[in-house]
C-alpha atoms as a PDB file:
ATOM      1  CA  MET A   1     182.645   6.836 -60.593  1.00  0.00           C
ATOM      2  CA  LYS A   2     183.448  10.516 -61.683  1.00  0.00           C
ATOM      3  CA  ARG A   3     182.522   9.747 -65.476  1.00  0.00           C
ATOM      4  CA  THR A   4     178.778   8.820 -64.408  1.00  0.00           C
ATOM      5  CA  PRO A   5     177.768  12.718 -63.677  1.00  0.00           C
ATOM      6  CA  PHE A   6     179.430  13.373 -67.155  1.00  0.00           C
ATOM      7  CA  ILE A   7     177.550  11.023 -69.232  1.00  0.00           C
ATOM      8  CA  ALA A   8     174.699  11.943 -67.623  1.00  0.00           C
ATOM      9  CA  ALA A   9     175.245  15.481 -68.393  1.00  0.00           C
ATOM     10  CA  ALA A  10     176.459  14.566 -72.003  1.00  0.00           C
ATOM     11  CA  ALA A  11     173.095  12.772 -72.601  1.00  0.00           C
ATOM     12  CA  CYS A  12     171.220  15.261 -71.325  1.00  0.00           C
ATOM     13  CA  ILE A  13     172.380  18.320 -73.490  1.00  0.00           C
ATOM     14  CA  LEU A  14     171.797  15.979 -76.499  1.00  0.00           C
ATOM     15  CA  LEU A  15     168.560  15.218 -75.823  1.00  0.00           C
ATOM     16  CA  CYS A  16     167.453  18.776 -74.842  1.00  0.00           C
ATOM     17  CA  SER A  17     169.134  20.545 -77.954  1.00  0.00           C
ATOM     18  CA  CYS A  18     167.507  17.824 -80.497  1.00  0.00           C
ATOM     19  CA  GLY A  19     164.229  18.521 -79.420  1.00  0.00           C
ATOM     20  CA  THR A  20     164.169  22.309 -79.420  1.00  0.00           C
ATOM     21  CA  ASN A  21     164.336  23.336 -83.260  1.00  0.00           C
ATOM     22  CA  SER A  22     162.524  20.022 -84.458  1.00  0.00           C
ATOM     23  CA  PRO A  23     159.794  20.778 -86.637  1.00  0.00           C
ATOM     24  CA  LYS A  24     155.998  20.177 -85.660  1.00  0.00           C
ATOM     25  CA  SER A  25     155.731  17.001 -88.225  1.00  0.00           C
ATOM     26  CA  ASP A  26     152.350  16.185 -86.070  1.00  0.00           C
ATOM     27  CA  GLU A  27     150.251  19.287 -87.476  1.00  0.00           C
ATOM     28  CA  PRO A  28     147.299  18.277 -90.257  1.00  0.00           C
ATOM     29  CA  LEU A  29     146.979  20.041 -92.873  1.00  0.00           C
ATOM     30  CA  PRO A  30     144.344  22.572 -93.571  1.00  0.00           C
ATOM     31  CA  GLU A  31     140.731  21.495 -94.836  1.00  0.00           C
ATOM     32  CA  ALA A  32     141.915  23.720 -98.113  1.00  0.00           C
ATOM     33  CA  PHE A  33     145.233  24.594 -99.735  1.00  0.00           C
ATOM     34  CA  SER A  34     146.792  24.646-103.032  1.00  0.00           C
ATOM     35  CA  VAL A  35     150.288  22.918-103.752  1.00  0.00           C
ATOM     36  CA  THR A  36     152.591  22.174-106.698  1.00  0.00           C
ATOM     37  CA  ALA A  37     153.300  18.025-106.552  1.00  0.00           C
ATOM     38  CA  GLU A  38     156.477  16.755-108.387  1.00  0.00           C
ATOM     39  CA  ILE A  39     155.210  13.421-109.222  1.00  0.00           C
ATOM     40  CA  THR A  40     157.452  10.084-110.250  1.00  0.00           C
ATOM     41  CA  ASP A  41     155.972   6.736-110.682  1.00  0.00           C
ATOM     42  CA  CYS A  42     157.960   3.960-112.420  1.00  0.00           C
ATOM     43  CA  GLY A  43     160.325   6.453-114.047  1.00  0.00           C
ATOM     44  CA  TYR A  44     157.701   8.993-115.512  1.00  0.00           C
ATOM     45  CA  SER A  45     157.438  12.258-113.681  1.00  0.00           C
ATOM     46  CA  CYS A  46     155.260  14.941-114.210  1.00  0.00           C
ATOM     47  CA  THR A  47     154.337  18.323-112.306  1.00  0.00           C
ATOM     48  CA  ALA A  48     150.688  19.526-111.044  1.00  0.00           C
ATOM     49  CA  ASP A  49     149.636  22.343-109.142  1.00  0.00           C
ATOM     50  CA  MET A  50     146.436  20.960-106.887  1.00  0.00           C
ATOM     51  CA  THR A  51     143.803  22.797-105.085  1.00  0.00           C
ATOM     52  CA  ARG A  52     141.656  21.133-102.134  1.00  0.00           C
ATOM     53  CA  SER A  53     138.582  22.999-101.173  1.00  0.00           C
ATOM     54  CA  SER A  54     135.349  21.769 -99.723  1.00  0.00           C
ATOM     55  CA  GLU A  55     134.377  21.090-102.923  1.00  0.00           C
ATOM     56  CA  GLY A  56     136.853  18.250-103.793  1.00  0.00           C
ATOM     57  CA  TRP A  57     140.041  18.213-105.777  1.00  0.00           C
ATOM     58  CA  ASP A  58     140.984  20.306-109.050  1.00  0.00           C
ATOM     59  CA  ILE A  59     144.562  19.257-110.120  1.00  0.00           C
ATOM     60  CA  VAL A  60     146.123  20.770-113.630  1.00  0.00           C
ATOM     61  CA  MET A  61     148.992  19.135-114.945  1.00  0.00           C
ATOM     62  CA  THR A  62     151.599  21.715-115.748  1.00  0.00           C
ATOM     63  CA  GLY A  63     154.299  19.291-117.239  1.00  0.00           C
ATOM     64  CA  PRO A  64     155.722  17.544-119.129  1.00  0.00           C
ATOM     65  CA  GLU A  65     154.140  19.421-122.441  1.00  0.00           C
ATOM     66  CA  THR A  66     152.310  16.088-123.515  1.00  0.00           C
ATOM     67  CA  VAL A  67     149.792  16.173-120.542  1.00  0.00           C
ATOM     68  CA  GLU A  68     149.913  19.883-119.942  1.00  0.00           C
ATOM     69  CA  GLY A  69     146.403  21.588-119.557  1.00  0.00           C
ATOM     70  CA  VAL A  70     144.860  17.777-118.548  1.00  0.00           C
ATOM     71  CA  SER A  71     142.513  18.916-115.697  1.00  0.00           C
ATOM     72  CA  PHE A  72     141.296  16.686-112.791  1.00  0.00           C
ATOM     73  CA  HIS A  73     138.378  17.396-110.492  1.00  0.00           C
ATOM     74  CA  ILE A  74     137.553  14.792-108.174  1.00  0.00           C
ATOM     75  CA  THR A  75     134.483  14.931-105.578  1.00  0.00           C
ATOM     76  CA  GLY A  76     133.289  12.384-102.712  1.00  0.00           C
ATOM     77  CA  GLU A  77     131.099  10.795-105.725  1.00  0.00           C
ATOM     78  CA  ASN A  78     133.408  10.681-108.882  1.00  0.00           C
ATOM     79  CA  MET A  79     135.962  12.237-111.139  1.00  0.00           C
ATOM     80  CA  THR A  80     136.222  14.057-114.176  1.00  0.00           C
ATOM     81  CA  VAL A  81     138.706  14.154-116.568  1.00  0.00           C
ATOM     82  CA  ARG A  82     138.993  17.258-118.947  1.00  0.00           C
ATOM     83  CA  SER A  83     141.728  17.778-122.310  1.00  0.00           C
ATOM     84  CA  GLY A  84     140.310  20.808-124.419  1.00  0.00           C
ATOM     85  CA  ASP A  85     136.717  20.308-125.266  1.00  0.00           C
ATOM     86  CA  LEU A  86     136.980  16.559-124.140  1.00  0.00           C
ATOM     87  CA  SER A  87     135.648  15.571-120.746  1.00  0.00           C
ATOM     88  CA  PHE A  88     134.967  12.166-119.164  1.00  0.00           C
ATOM     89  CA  THR A  89     133.191  11.591-116.009  1.00  0.00           C
ATOM     90  CA  ALA A  90     133.381   8.249-113.741  1.00  0.00           C
ATOM     91  CA  ALA A  91     132.849   7.093-110.533  1.00  0.00           C
ATOM     92  CA  HIS A  92     135.474   6.136-108.412  1.00  0.00           C
ATOM     93  CA  GLU A  93     134.951   2.250-108.494  1.00  0.00           C
ATOM     94  CA  ASP A  94     135.242   2.848-112.434  1.00  0.00           C
ATOM     95  CA  ILE A  95     138.826   4.786-111.881  1.00  0.00           C
ATOM     96  CA  PRO A  96     142.396   2.450-111.918  1.00  0.00           C
ATOM     97  CA  GLN A  97     143.187   2.964-107.889  1.00  0.00           C
ATOM     98  CA  ALA A  98     146.958   3.022-108.923  1.00  0.00           C
ATOM     99  CA  SER A  99     146.379   6.459-110.680  1.00  0.00           C
ATOM    100  CA  PRO A 100     149.076   8.712-109.218  1.00  0.00           C
ATOM    101  CA  VAL A 101     146.741  11.638-109.295  1.00  0.00           C
ATOM    102  CA  ARG A 102     144.149   9.708-107.276  1.00  0.00           C
ATOM    103  CA  LEU A 103     146.399   8.409-104.769  1.00  0.00           C
ATOM    104  CA  ALA A 104     148.423  12.047-104.164  1.00  0.00           C
ATOM    105  CA  ALA A 105     144.745  13.479-103.359  1.00  0.00           C
ATOM    106  CA  ALA A 106     143.373  10.728-101.221  1.00  0.00           C
ATOM    107  CA  VAL A 107     146.637  10.380 -99.310  1.00  0.00           C
ATOM    108  CA  LEU A 108     146.563  14.399 -99.125  1.00  0.00           C
ATOM    109  CA  ASP A 109     143.118  13.984 -97.801  1.00  0.00           C
ATOM    110  CA  ARG A 110     144.185  11.509 -95.069  1.00  0.00           C
ATOM    111  CA  CYS A 111     147.234  13.917 -94.160  1.00  0.00           C
ATOM    112  CA  VAL A 112     144.116  16.768 -93.273  1.00  0.00           C
ATOM    113  CA  LYS A 113     142.960  14.008 -90.592  1.00  0.00           C
ATOM    114  CA  LYS A 114     146.891  13.269 -89.218  1.00  0.00           C
ATOM    115  CA  ARG A 115     147.168   9.820 -90.977  1.00  0.00           C
ATOM    116  CA  THR A 116     150.443  10.462 -92.362  1.00  0.00           C
ATOM    117  CA  GLU A 117     151.055   6.733 -92.694  1.00  0.00           C
ATOM    118  CA  GLY A 118     149.565   3.442 -93.642  1.00  0.00           C
ATOM    119  CA  GLU A 119     147.953   1.405 -96.551  1.00  0.00           C
ATOM    120  CA  LEU A 120     145.380   3.195 -99.147  1.00  0.00           C
ATOM    121  CA  TYR A 121     143.967   1.249-102.855  1.00  0.00           C
ATOM    122  CA  GLY A 122     146.496  -1.798-101.386  1.00  0.00           C
ATOM    123  CA  GLN A 123     149.791   0.187-101.441  1.00  0.00           C
ATOM    124  CA  HIS A 124     151.578   1.552 -98.629  1.00  0.00           C
ATOM    125  CA  TYR A 125     151.962   4.938 -98.035  1.00  0.00           C
ATOM    126  CA  ALA A 126     153.968   7.444 -96.048  1.00  0.00           C
ATOM    127  CA  ALA A 127     153.608  11.538 -96.177  1.00  0.00           C
ATOM    128  CA  GLU A 128     156.165  13.272 -94.583  1.00  0.00           C
ATOM    129  CA  ILE A 129     154.260  16.804 -93.164  1.00  0.00           C
ATOM    130  CA  THR A 130     156.710  19.672 -91.495  1.00  0.00           C
ATOM    131  CA  ASP A 131     155.473  22.469 -89.705  1.00  0.00           C
ATOM    132  CA  GLY A 132     152.118  22.069 -91.352  1.00  0.00           C
ATOM    133  CA  LYS A 133     153.114  21.770 -95.034  1.00  0.00           C
ATOM    134  CA  PRO A 134     153.204  18.687 -96.931  1.00  0.00           C
ATOM    135  CA  VAL A 135     157.095  17.707 -98.114  1.00  0.00           C
ATOM    136  CA  GLN A 136     156.699  14.759 -99.850  1.00  0.00           C
ATOM    137  CA  LEU A 137     155.052  11.247-100.074  1.00  0.00           C
ATOM    138  CA  VAL A 138     155.857   8.022-100.999  1.00  0.00           C
ATOM    139  CA  ALA A 139     153.729   5.095-102.008  1.00  0.00           C
ATOM    140  CA  GLY A 140     154.607   1.390-102.894  1.00  0.00           C
ATOM    141  CA  THR A 141     157.690   0.785-104.609  1.00  0.00           C
ATOM    142  CA  GLU A 142     158.064   3.316-107.524  1.00  0.00           C
ATOM    143  CA  TYR A 143     155.643   6.402-106.827  1.00  0.00           C
ATOM    144  CA  SER A 144     157.204   9.597-104.922  1.00  0.00           C
ATOM    145  CA  ILE A 145     156.227  12.679-104.963  1.00  0.00           C
ATOM    146  CA  LYS A 146     157.634  16.170-103.571  1.00  0.00           C
ATOM    147  CA  PHE A 147     155.562  19.222-102.811  1.00  0.00           C
ATOM    148  CA  LYS A 148     156.368  22.729-103.124  1.00  0.00           C
ATOM    149  CA  ASP A 149     154.896  26.347-102.882  1.00  0.00           C
ATOM    150  CA  PHE A 150     152.196  25.639-100.319  1.00  0.00           C
ATOM    151  CA  SER A 151     149.281  27.708 -99.534  1.00  0.00           C
ATOM    152  CA  ALA A 152     146.596  27.400 -97.028  1.00  0.00           C
ATOM    153  CA  LYS A 153     143.202  28.935 -98.197  1.00  0.00           C
END
């Protein structure tokens, strides 16, 4: 009988100490922000600077050298891809749903509405948001993103 108060006190201390320093993972992302994404898809890795505004997404590939400077502008209606003087615009239904850039932007859009886990384009996704900032995103079986340099606009 003497152990019961000790066990109850130990459980209380453990529960209280875990809750005091835990990050706020349920905060939504702001409506406008920028972030750098380190994307890995089926063994291929690239980096991109992503900016979300009221006009949609502006994404610029920053590495590797083979895709550096390629940019995407994504709105509710279509996506424009630019590389140097070349430009191509297509409606969303004409763009492959598995595009890592398109999927990343769509998942971050959902995180603005606090939907950090679900299904999109036939793939399960889970995003980690800590203190109102995206940390990482996993979609499907081989697609992942780590985020850094987050800045609210």
